[in-house]
């Protein structure tokens, strides 16, 4: 009987758009999210919004993105997260090849 030469399929990847509300600015949320994303090998970006929320676009293996979403619900020690809205990304959203902190919009 011949051995199978099929390679295992790659882990599925997903992209999610996040809007985090609560006390999430001025507490190092962006910095800590970027650190956690890099640790998990997730690419994308995070930025503050002028309405006081934090916005992020994250892309990577499904299990890693889910771990980052779990982290996003509590954030760094000084944050007080009230909500995390997770949606599919807007059409044409680019994630890049690393995780970056962006300027406030």
PDB file of N, CA and C in Angstrom:
ATOM      1  N   UNK A   1       0.853  -1.182   0.000  1.00  0.00           N
ATOM      2  CA  UNK A   1       0.000   0.000   0.000  1.00  0.00           C
ATOM      3  C   UNK A   1       0.894   1.239   0.000  1.00  0.00           C
ATOM      4  N   UNK A   2       0.652   2.164  -0.909  1.00  0.00           N
ATOM      5  CA  UNK A   2       1.472   3.371  -1.028  1.00  0.00           C
ATOM      6  C   UNK A   2       1.106   4.372   0.051  1.00  0.00           C
ATOM      7  N   UNK A   3       2.129   5.052   0.543  1.00  0.00           N
ATOM      8  CA  UNK A   3       1.907   6.081   1.557  1.00  0.00           C
ATOM      9  C   UNK A   3       1.324   7.318   0.892  1.00  0.00           C
ATOM     10  N   UNK A   4       0.519   8.014   1.620  1.00  0.00           N
ATOM     11  CA  UNK A   4      -0.094   9.237   1.102  1.00  0.00           C
ATOM     12  C   UNK A   4       0.950  10.336   1.002  1.00  0.00           C
ATOM     13  N   UNK A   5       0.943  11.072  -0.094  1.00  0.00           N
ATOM     14  CA  UNK A   5       1.889  12.178  -0.264  1.00  0.00           C
ATOM     15  C   UNK A   5       1.223  13.521  -0.057  1.00  0.00           C
ATOM     16  N   UNK A   6      -0.047  13.518   0.307  1.00  0.00           N
ATOM     17  CA  UNK A   6      -0.762  14.784   0.531  1.00  0.00           C
ATOM     18  C   UNK A   6      -0.214  15.469   1.775  1.00  0.00           C
ATOM     19  N   UNK A   7       0.032  16.745   1.652  1.00  0.00           N
ATOM     20  CA  UNK A   7       0.496  17.522   2.796  1.00  0.00           C
ATOM     21  C   UNK A   7      -0.698  17.916   3.646  1.00  0.00           C
ATOM     22  N   UNK A   8      -0.477  18.030   4.964  1.00  0.00           N
ATOM     23  CA  UNK A   8      -1.587  18.476   5.799  1.00  0.00           C
ATOM     24  C   UNK A   8      -2.003  19.887   5.398  1.00  0.00           C
ATOM     25  N   UNK A   9      -3.278  20.155   5.449  1.00  0.00           N
ATOM     26  CA  UNK A   9      -3.755  21.479   5.066  1.00  0.00           C
ATOM     27  C   UNK A   9      -3.306  22.519   6.088  1.00  0.00           C
ATOM     28  N   UNK A  10      -3.056  23.693   5.595  1.00  0.00           N
ATOM     29  CA  UNK A  10      -2.634  24.787   6.474  1.00  0.00           C
ATOM     30  C   UNK A  10      -3.798  25.181   7.379  1.00  0.00           C
ATOM     31  N   UNK A  11      -3.450  25.674   8.552  1.00  0.00           N
ATOM     32  CA  UNK A  11      -4.485  26.140   9.477  1.00  0.00           C
ATOM     33  C   UNK A  11      -5.280  27.252   8.816  1.00  0.00           C
ATOM     34  N   UNK A  12      -6.597  27.251   8.985  1.00  0.00           N
ATOM     35  CA  UNK A  12      -7.403  28.314   8.367  1.00  0.00           C
ATOM     36  C   UNK A  12      -7.052  29.677   8.959  1.00  0.00           C
ATOM     37  N   UNK A  13      -7.057  30.688   8.118  1.00  0.00           N
ATOM     38  CA  UNK A  13      -6.802  32.046   8.582  1.00  0.00           C
ATOM     39  C   UNK A  13      -8.085  32.856   8.516  1.00  0.00           C
ATOM     40  N   UNK A  14      -8.173  33.847   9.392  1.00  0.00           N
ATOM     41  CA  UNK A  14      -9.341  34.717   9.441  1.00  0.00           C
ATOM     42  C   UNK A  14      -8.889  36.161   9.627  1.00  0.00           C
ATOM     43  N   UNK A  15      -9.754  37.079   9.249  1.00  0.00           N
ATOM     44  CA  UNK A  15      -9.521  38.502   9.459  1.00  0.00           C
ATOM     45  C   UNK A  15     -10.743  39.059  10.173  1.00  0.00           C
ATOM     46  N   UNK A  16     -10.507  39.833  11.218  1.00  0.00           N
ATOM     47  CA  UNK A  16     -11.604  40.418  11.987  1.00  0.00           C
ATOM     48  C   UNK A  16     -11.326  41.901  12.240  1.00  0.00           C
ATOM     49  N   UNK A  17     -12.408  42.659  12.261  1.00  0.00           N
ATOM     50  CA  UNK A  17     -12.365  44.085  12.594  1.00  0.00           C
ATOM     51  C   UNK A  17     -12.910  44.225  14.009  1.00  0.00           C
ATOM     52  N   UNK A  18     -12.201  44.933  14.873  1.00  0.00           N
ATOM     53  CA  UNK A  18     -12.612  45.082  16.272  1.00  0.00           C
ATOM     54  C   UNK A  18     -12.819  46.543  16.611  1.00  0.00           C
ATOM     55  N   UNK A  19     -13.819  46.808  17.450  1.00  0.00           N
ATOM     56  CA  UNK A  19     -14.010  48.136  18.043  1.00  0.00           C
ATOM     57  C   UNK A  19     -14.155  47.890  19.533  1.00  0.00           C
ATOM     58  N   UNK A  20     -13.194  48.398  20.307  1.00  0.00           N
ATOM     59  CA  UNK A  20     -13.153  48.165  21.746  1.00  0.00           C
ATOM     60  C   UNK A  20     -13.544  49.456  22.455  1.00  0.00           C
ATOM     61  N   UNK A  21     -14.485  49.361  23.387  1.00  0.00           N
ATOM     62  CA  UNK A  21     -14.957  50.531  24.122  1.00  0.00           C
ATOM     63  C   UNK A  21     -14.712  50.358  25.619  1.00  0.00           C
ATOM     64  N   UNK A  22     -14.759  51.480  26.313  1.00  0.00           N
ATOM     65  CA  UNK A  22     -14.516  51.509  27.751  1.00  0.00           C
ATOM     66  C   UNK A  22     -13.363  52.451  28.033  1.00  0.00           C
ATOM     67  N   UNK A  23     -12.666  52.202  29.127  1.00  0.00           N
ATOM     68  CA  UNK A  23     -11.458  52.995  29.416  1.00  0.00           C
ATOM     69  C   UNK A  23     -10.295  52.284  28.746  1.00  0.00           C
ATOM     70  N   UNK A  24     -10.097  52.598  27.463  1.00  0.00           N
ATOM     71  CA  UNK A  24      -9.108  51.890  26.659  1.00  0.00           C
ATOM     72  C   UNK A  24      -8.074  52.817  26.020  1.00  0.00           C
ATOM     73  N   UNK A  25      -8.169  54.109  26.299  1.00  0.00           N
ATOM     74  CA  UNK A  25      -7.146  55.038  25.831  1.00  0.00           C
ATOM     75  C   UNK A  25      -6.421  55.605  27.044  1.00  0.00           C
ATOM     76  N   UNK A  26      -5.111  55.843  26.869  1.00  0.00           N
ATOM     77  CA  UNK A  26      -4.305  56.371  27.962  1.00  0.00           C
ATOM     78  C   UNK A  26      -3.910  55.306  28.977  1.00  0.00           C
ATOM     79  N   UNK A  27      -4.098  54.037  28.621  1.00  0.00           N
ATOM     80  CA  UNK A  27      -3.775  52.931  29.538  1.00  0.00           C
ATOM     81  C   UNK A  27      -2.829  51.914  28.886  1.00  0.00           C
ATOM     82  N   UNK A  28      -2.269  52.265  27.727  1.00  0.00           N
ATOM     83  CA  UNK A  28      -1.350  51.367  27.039  1.00  0.00           C
ATOM     84  C   UNK A  28      -2.019  50.251  26.261  1.00  0.00           C
ATOM     85  N   UNK A  29      -3.291  50.419  25.943  1.00  0.00           N
ATOM     86  CA  UNK A  29      -4.027  49.356  25.250  1.00  0.00           C
ATOM     87  C   UNK A  29      -3.390  49.025  23.895  1.00  0.00           C
ATOM     88  N   UNK A  30      -3.104  50.051  23.089  1.00  0.00           N
ATOM     89  CA  UNK A  30      -2.526  49.801  21.761  1.00  0.00           C
ATOM     90  C   UNK A  30      -1.182  49.086  21.870  1.00  0.00           C
ATOM     91  N   UNK A  31      -0.329  49.567  22.749  1.00  0.00           N
ATOM     92  CA  UNK A  31       0.993  48.975  22.923  1.00  0.00           C
ATOM     93  C   UNK A  31       0.872  47.503  23.323  1.00  0.00           C
ATOM     94  N   UNK A  32       0.045  47.238  24.316  1.00  0.00           N
ATOM     95  CA  UNK A  32      -0.092  45.867  24.807  1.00  0.00           C
ATOM     96  C   UNK A  32      -0.763  44.953  23.787  1.00  0.00           C
ATOM     97  N   UNK A  33      -1.730  45.487  23.032  1.00  0.00           N
ATOM     98  CA  UNK A  33      -2.352  44.661  21.995  1.00  0.00           C
ATOM     99  C   UNK A  33      -1.321  44.313  20.934  1.00  0.00           C
ATOM    100  N   UNK A  34      -0.491  45.266  20.541  1.00  0.00           N
ATOM    101  CA  UNK A  34       0.536  44.991  19.539  1.00  0.00           C
ATOM    102  C   UNK A  34       1.503  43.920  20.040  1.00  0.00           C
ATOM    103  N   UNK A  35       1.886  44.002  21.300  1.00  0.00           N
ATOM    104  CA  UNK A  35       2.778  42.992  21.874  1.00  0.00           C
ATOM    105  C   UNK A  35       2.129  41.609  21.854  1.00  0.00           C
ATOM    106  N   UNK A  36       0.873  41.541  22.259  1.00  0.00           N
ATOM    107  CA  UNK A  36       0.156  40.267  22.292  1.00  0.00           C
ATOM    108  C   UNK A  36      -0.030  39.713  20.884  1.00  0.00           C
ATOM    109  N   UNK A  37      -0.360  40.576  19.934  1.00  0.00           N
ATOM    110  CA  UNK A  37      -0.541  40.135  18.546  1.00  0.00           C
ATOM    111  C   UNK A  37       0.765  39.566  17.995  1.00  0.00           C
ATOM    112  N   UNK A  38       1.865  40.246  18.255  1.00  0.00           N
ATOM    113  CA  UNK A  38       3.163  39.749  17.768  1.00  0.00           C
ATOM    114  C   UNK A  38       3.503  38.411  18.417  1.00  0.00           C
ATOM    115  N   UNK A  39       3.204  38.268  19.699  1.00  0.00           N
ATOM    116  CA  UNK A  39       3.461  37.009  20.398  1.00  0.00           C
ATOM    117  C   UNK A  39       2.669  35.867  19.762  1.00  0.00           C
ATOM    118  N   UNK A  40       1.448  36.176  19.319  1.00  0.00           N
ATOM    119  CA  UNK A  40       0.568  35.176  18.715  1.00  0.00           C
ATOM    120  C   UNK A  40       0.773  35.014  17.200  1.00  0.00           C
ATOM    121  N   UNK A  41       1.682  35.808  16.625  1.00  0.00           N
ATOM    122  CA  UNK A  41       1.942  35.788  15.175  1.00  0.00           C
ATOM    123  C   UNK A  41       0.714  36.219  14.374  1.00  0.00           C
ATOM    124  N   UNK A  42       0.031  37.236  14.888  1.00  0.00           N
ATOM    125  CA  UNK A  42      -1.116  37.839  14.204  1.00  0.00           C
ATOM    126  C   UNK A  42      -0.633  39.147  13.580  1.00  0.00           C
ATOM    127  N   UNK A  43      -1.063  39.448  12.367  1.00  0.00           N
ATOM    128  CA  UNK A  43      -0.696  40.690  11.705  1.00  0.00           C
ATOM    129  C   UNK A  43      -1.907  41.619  11.663  1.00  0.00           C
ATOM    130  N   UNK A  44      -1.639  42.897  11.389  1.00  0.00           N
ATOM    131  CA  UNK A  44      -2.712  43.878  11.305  1.00  0.00           C
ATOM    132  C   UNK A  44      -2.294  45.193  11.925  1.00  0.00           C
ATOM    133  N   UNK A  45      -3.265  45.880  12.535  1.00  0.00           N
ATOM    134  CA  UNK A  45      -2.983  47.184  13.134  1.00  0.00           C
ATOM    135  C   UNK A  45      -3.990  47.489  14.229  1.00  0.00           C
ATOM    136  N   UNK A  46      -3.616  48.478  15.051  1.00  0.00           N
ATOM    137  CA  UNK A  46      -4.489  48.970  16.120  1.00  0.00           C
ATOM    138  C   UNK A  46      -4.325  50.481  16.187  1.00  0.00           C
ATOM    139  N   UNK A  47      -5.422  51.196  16.473  1.00  0.00           N
ATOM    140  CA  UNK A  47      -5.354  52.657  16.594  1.00  0.00           C
ATOM    141  C   UNK A  47      -6.446  53.152  17.511  1.00  0.00           C
ATOM    142  N   UNK A  48      -6.199  54.331  18.095  1.00  0.00           N
ATOM    143  CA  UNK A  48      -7.222  55.016  18.875  1.00  0.00           C
ATOM    144  C   UNK A  48      -8.167  55.725  17.923  1.00  0.00           C
ATOM    145  N   UNK A  49      -9.410  55.892  18.357  1.00  0.00           N
ATOM    146  CA  UNK A  49     -10.394  56.662  17.608  1.00  0.00           C
ATOM    147  C   UNK A  49     -10.718  57.914  18.419  1.00  0.00           C
ATOM    148  N   UNK A  50     -11.092  58.967  17.736  1.00  0.00           N
ATOM    149  CA  UNK A  50     -11.371  60.233  18.422  1.00  0.00           C
ATOM    150  C   UNK A  50     -12.579  60.140  19.346  1.00  0.00           C
ATOM    151  N   UNK A  51     -13.408  59.091  19.204  1.00  0.00           N
ATOM    152  CA  UNK A  51     -14.569  58.923  20.096  1.00  0.00           C
ATOM    153  C   UNK A  51     -14.203  58.218  21.400  1.00  0.00           C
ATOM    154  N   UNK A  52     -12.910  57.898  21.598  1.00  0.00           N
ATOM    155  CA  UNK A  52     -12.468  57.257  22.835  1.00  0.00           C
ATOM    156  C   UNK A  52     -12.338  55.748  22.743  1.00  0.00           C
ATOM    157  N   UNK A  53     -12.732  55.181  21.610  1.00  0.00           N
ATOM    158  CA  UNK A  53     -12.618  53.732  21.439  1.00  0.00           C
ATOM    159  C   UNK A  53     -11.267  53.384  20.821  1.00  0.00           C
ATOM    160  N   UNK A  54     -11.002  52.095  20.733  1.00  0.00           N
ATOM    161  CA  UNK A  54      -9.829  51.574  20.040  1.00  0.00           C
ATOM    162  C   UNK A  54     -10.339  50.689  18.920  1.00  0.00           C
ATOM    163  N   UNK A  55      -9.703  50.787  17.763  1.00  0.00           N
ATOM    164  CA  UNK A  55     -10.085  50.006  16.591  1.00  0.00           C
ATOM    165  C   UNK A  55      -8.897  49.149  16.171  1.00  0.00           C
ATOM    166  N   UNK A  56      -9.168  47.940  15.717  1.00  0.00           N
ATOM    167  CA  UNK A  56      -8.098  47.065  15.252  1.00  0.00           C
ATOM    168  C   UNK A  56      -8.567  46.213  14.093  1.00  0.00           C
ATOM    169  N   UNK A  57      -7.632  45.844  13.252  1.00  0.00           N
ATOM    170  CA  UNK A  57      -7.853  44.886  12.182  1.00  0.00           C
ATOM    171  C   UNK A  57      -6.818  43.789  12.397  1.00  0.00           C
ATOM    172  N   UNK A  58      -7.264  42.562  12.570  1.00  0.00           N
ATOM    173  CA  UNK A  58      -6.356  41.467  12.905  1.00  0.00           C
ATOM    174  C   UNK A  58      -6.522  40.327  11.917  1.00  0.00           C
ATOM    175  N   UNK A  59      -5.402  39.694  11.566  1.00  0.00           N
ATOM    176  CA  UNK A  59      -5.417  38.603  10.593  1.00  0.00           C
ATOM    177  C   UNK A  59      -4.387  37.559  10.989  1.00  0.00           C
ATOM    178  N   UNK A  60      -4.797  36.302  10.917  1.00  0.00           N
ATOM    179  CA  UNK A  60      -3.869  35.220  11.211  1.00  0.00           C
ATOM    180  C   UNK A  60      -4.589  33.907  11.354  1.00  0.00           C
ATOM    181  N   UNK A  61      -3.867  32.896  11.849  1.00  0.00           N
ATOM    182  CA  UNK A  61      -4.514  31.605  12.075  1.00  0.00           C
ATOM    183  C   UNK A  61      -5.715  31.771  13.000  1.00  0.00           C
ATOM    184  N   UNK A  62      -6.789  31.071  12.694  1.00  0.00           N
ATOM    185  CA  UNK A  62      -8.028  31.243  13.453  1.00  0.00           C
ATOM    186  C   UNK A  62      -7.810  31.116  14.956  1.00  0.00           C
ATOM    187  N   UNK A  63      -7.052  30.126  15.389  1.00  0.00           N
ATOM    188  CA  UNK A  63      -6.839  29.924  16.821  1.00  0.00           C
ATOM    189  C   UNK A  63      -6.094  31.110  17.444  1.00  0.00           C
ATOM    190  N   UNK A  64      -5.148  31.703  16.714  1.00  0.00           N
ATOM    191  CA  UNK A  64      -4.396  32.848  17.229  1.00  0.00           C
ATOM    192  C   UNK A  64      -5.280  34.094  17.298  1.00  0.00           C
ATOM    193  N   UNK A  65      -6.099  34.306  16.263  1.00  0.00           N
ATOM    194  CA  UNK A  65      -7.013  35.456  16.266  1.00  0.00           C
ATOM    195  C   UNK A  65      -8.012  35.321  17.412  1.00  0.00           C
ATOM    196  N   UNK A  66      -8.523  34.123  17.635  1.00  0.00           N
ATOM    197  CA  UNK A  66      -9.459  33.915  18.744  1.00  0.00           C
ATOM    198  C   UNK A  66      -8.791  34.186  20.091  1.00  0.00           C
ATOM    199  N   UNK A  67      -7.522  33.812  20.233  1.00  0.00           N
ATOM    200  CA  UNK A  67      -6.791  34.098  21.477  1.00  0.00           C
ATOM    201  C   UNK A  67      -6.638  35.606  21.667  1.00  0.00           C
ATOM    202  N   UNK A  68      -6.370  36.335  20.584  1.00  0.00           N
ATOM    203  CA  UNK A  68      -6.247  37.793  20.677  1.00  0.00           C
ATOM    204  C   UNK A  68      -7.601  38.423  21.015  1.00  0.00           C
ATOM    205  N   UNK A  69      -8.682  37.890  20.463  1.00  0.00           N
ATOM    206  CA  UNK A  69     -10.018  38.403  20.796  1.00  0.00           C
ATOM    207  C   UNK A  69     -10.322  38.184  22.278  1.00  0.00           C
ATOM    208  N   UNK A  70      -9.937  37.048  22.808  1.00  0.00           N
ATOM    209  CA  UNK A  70     -10.126  36.788  24.237  1.00  0.00           C
ATOM    210  C   UNK A  70      -9.348  37.814  25.051  1.00  0.00           C
ATOM    211  N   UNK A  71      -8.093  38.071  24.655  1.00  0.00           N
ATOM    212  CA  UNK A  71      -7.272  39.072  25.340  1.00  0.00           C
ATOM    213  C   UNK A  71      -7.940  40.454  25.265  1.00  0.00           C
ATOM    214  N   UNK A  72      -8.495  40.801  24.093  1.00  0.00           N
ATOM    215  CA  UNK A  72      -9.088  42.127  23.879  1.00  0.00           C
ATOM    216  C   UNK A  72     -10.217  42.425  24.851  1.00  0.00           C
ATOM    217  N   UNK A  73     -10.892  41.401  25.346  1.00  0.00           N
ATOM    218  CA  UNK A  73     -12.003  41.608  26.271  1.00  0.00           C
ATOM    219  C   UNK A  73     -11.570  42.087  27.659  1.00  0.00           C
ATOM    220  N   UNK A  74     -10.301  41.958  27.987  1.00  0.00           N
ATOM    221  CA  UNK A  74      -9.831  42.495  29.274  1.00  0.00           C
ATOM    222  C   UNK A  74      -8.689  43.482  29.086  1.00  0.00           C
ATOM    223  N   UNK A  75      -7.844  43.320  28.056  1.00  0.00           N
ATOM    224  CA  UNK A  75      -6.769  44.260  27.770  1.00  0.00           C
ATOM    225  C   UNK A  75      -5.709  44.301  28.850  1.00  0.00           C
ATOM    226  N   UNK A  76      -4.916  45.377  28.864  1.00  0.00           N
ATOM    227  CA  UNK A  76      -3.853  45.512  29.862  1.00  0.00           C
ATOM    228  C   UNK A  76      -4.436  45.827  31.244  1.00  0.00           C
ATOM    229  N   UNK A  77      -3.611  45.747  32.282  1.00  0.00           N
ATOM    230  CA  UNK A  77      -4.108  45.899  33.658  1.00  0.00           C
ATOM    231  C   UNK A  77      -4.920  47.174  33.946  1.00  0.00           C
ATOM    232  N   UNK A  78      -4.556  48.326  33.379  1.00  0.00           N
ATOM    233  CA  UNK A  78      -5.257  49.567  33.692  1.00  0.00           C
ATOM    234  C   UNK A  78      -6.522  49.797  32.858  1.00  0.00           C
ATOM    235  N   UNK A  79      -6.725  48.975  31.842  1.00  0.00           N
ATOM    236  CA  UNK A  79      -7.910  49.135  30.983  1.00  0.00           C
ATOM    237  C   UNK A  79      -9.155  48.616  31.690  1.00  0.00           C
ATOM    238  N   UNK A  80     -10.298  49.190  31.331  1.00  0.00           N
ATOM    239  CA  UNK A  80     -11.608  48.711  31.781  1.00  0.00           C
ATOM    240  C   UNK A  80     -12.473  48.560  30.531  1.00  0.00           C
ATOM    241  N   UNK A  81     -12.409  47.392  29.936  1.00  0.00           N
ATOM    242  CA  UNK A  81     -13.112  47.135  28.680  1.00  0.00           C
ATOM    243  C   UNK A  81     -14.597  46.945  28.967  1.00  0.00           C
ATOM    244  N   UNK A  82     -15.428  47.714  28.261  1.00  0.00           N
ATOM    245  CA  UNK A  82     -16.877  47.592  28.384  1.00  0.00           C
ATOM    246  C   UNK A  82     -17.470  46.757  27.262  1.00  0.00           C
ATOM    247  N   UNK A  83     -16.834  46.785  26.097  1.00  0.00           N
ATOM    248  CA  UNK A  83     -17.361  46.015  24.977  1.00  0.00           C
ATOM    249  C   UNK A  83     -16.339  45.814  23.884  1.00  0.00           C
ATOM    250  N   UNK A  84     -16.484  44.701  23.168  1.00  0.00           N
ATOM    251  CA  UNK A  84     -15.658  44.413  22.005  1.00  0.00           C
ATOM    252  C   UNK A  84     -16.601  43.985  20.886  1.00  0.00           C
ATOM    253  N   UNK A  85     -16.763  44.847  19.899  1.00  0.00           N
ATOM    254  CA  UNK A  85     -17.589  44.525  18.735  1.00  0.00           C
ATOM    255  C   UNK A  85     -16.677  43.900  17.685  1.00  0.00           C
ATOM    256  N   UNK A  86     -17.019  42.699  17.249  1.00  0.00           N
ATOM    257  CA  UNK A  86     -16.213  41.972  16.268  1.00  0.00           C
ATOM    258  C   UNK A  86     -17.049  41.806  15.005  1.00  0.00           C
ATOM    259  N   UNK A  87     -16.500  42.274  13.881  1.00  0.00           N
ATOM    260  CA  UNK A  87     -17.193  42.173  12.603  1.00  0.00           C
ATOM    261  C   UNK A  87     -16.219  41.691  11.532  1.00  0.00           C
ATOM    262  N   UNK A  88     -16.777  41.331  10.384  1.00  0.00           N
ATOM    263  CA  UNK A  88     -15.929  41.047   9.234  1.00  0.00           C
ATOM    264  C   UNK A  88     -15.307  42.369   8.803  1.00  0.00           C
ATOM    265  N   UNK A  89     -14.118  42.338   8.249  1.00  0.00           N
ATOM    266  CA  UNK A  89     -13.457  43.587   7.858  1.00  0.00           C
ATOM    267  C   UNK A  89     -14.138  44.251   6.673  1.00  0.00           C
ATOM    268  N   UNK A  90     -14.024  45.571   6.592  1.00  0.00           N
ATOM    269  CA  UNK A  90     -14.549  46.273   5.413  1.00  0.00           C
ATOM    270  C   UNK A  90     -13.826  45.782   4.155  1.00  0.00           C
ATOM    271  N   UNK A  91     -14.499  45.810   3.040  1.00  0.00           N
ATOM    272  CA  UNK A  91     -13.886  45.388   1.773  1.00  0.00           C
ATOM    273  C   UNK A  91     -12.625  46.199   1.504  1.00  0.00           C
ATOM    274  N   UNK A  92     -11.604  45.522   1.036  1.00  0.00           N
ATOM    275  CA  UNK A  92     -10.356  46.200   0.687  1.00  0.00           C
ATOM    276  C   UNK A  92      -9.450  46.487   1.859  1.00  0.00           C
ATOM    277  N   UNK A  93      -9.759  45.969   3.041  1.00  0.00           N
ATOM    278  CA  UNK A  93      -8.914  46.198   4.210  1.00  0.00           C
ATOM    279  C   UNK A  93      -7.597  45.459   4.052  1.00  0.00           C
ATOM    280  N   UNK A  94      -6.522  46.166   4.299  1.00  0.00           N
ATOM    281  CA  UNK A  94      -5.192  45.566   4.198  1.00  0.00           C
ATOM    282  C   UNK A  94      -4.628  45.347   5.593  1.00  0.00           C
ATOM    283  N   UNK A  95      -3.996  44.200   5.792  1.00  0.00           N
ATOM    284  CA  UNK A  95      -3.433  43.886   7.104  1.00  0.00           C
ATOM    285  C   UNK A  95      -1.924  43.999   7.150  1.00  0.00           C
ATOM    286  N   UNK A  96      -1.227  43.968   6.033  1.00  0.00           N
ATOM    287  CA  UNK A  96       0.226  44.068   6.015  1.00  0.00           C
ATOM    288  C   UNK A  96       0.887  42.755   6.396  1.00  0.00           C
ATOM    289  N   UNK A  97       2.174  42.841   6.768  1.00  0.00           N
ATOM    290  CA  UNK A  97       2.944  41.647   7.090  1.00  0.00           C
ATOM    291  C   UNK A  97       3.409  41.615   8.535  1.00  0.00           C
ATOM    292  N   UNK A  98       3.019  42.607   9.311  1.00  0.00           N
ATOM    293  CA  UNK A  98       3.355  42.644  10.733  1.00  0.00           C
ATOM    294  C   UNK A  98       2.230  43.337  11.470  1.00  0.00           C
ATOM    295  N   UNK A  99       2.384  43.533  12.769  1.00  0.00           N
ATOM    296  CA  UNK A  99       1.345  44.223  13.537  1.00  0.00           C
ATOM    297  C   UNK A  99       1.870  45.596  13.928  1.00  0.00           C
ATOM    298  N   UNK A 100       1.108  46.648  13.617  1.00  0.00           N
ATOM    299  CA  UNK A 100       1.574  48.007  13.866  1.00  0.00           C
ATOM    300  C   UNK A 100       0.563  48.834  14.653  1.00  0.00           C
ATOM    301  N   UNK A 101       1.081  49.823  15.351  1.00  0.00           N
ATOM    302  CA  UNK A 101       0.247  50.812  16.027  1.00  0.00           C
ATOM    303  C   UNK A 101       0.097  51.993  15.084  1.00  0.00           C
ATOM    304  N   UNK A 102      -1.117  52.429  14.870  1.00  0.00           N
ATOM    305  CA  UNK A 102      -1.373  53.556  13.979  1.00  0.00           C
ATOM    306  C   UNK A 102      -1.814  54.774  14.773  1.00  0.00           C
ATOM    307  N   UNK A 103      -1.791  55.911  14.084  1.00  0.00           N
ATOM    308  CA  UNK A 103      -2.204  57.176  14.693  1.00  0.00           C
ATOM    309  C   UNK A 103      -3.716  57.229  14.889  1.00  0.00           C
ATOM    310  N   UNK A 104      -4.142  58.076  15.802  1.00  0.00           N
ATOM    311  CA  UNK A 104      -5.557  58.283  16.090  1.00  0.00           C
ATOM    312  C   UNK A 104      -6.278  58.850  14.868  1.00  0.00           C
ATOM    313  N   UNK A 105      -7.501  58.357  14.664  1.00  0.00           N
ATOM    314  CA  UNK A 105      -8.344  58.912  13.587  1.00  0.00           C
ATOM    315  C   UNK A 105      -9.641  59.418  14.174  1.00  0.00           C
TER     316      UNK A 105
END
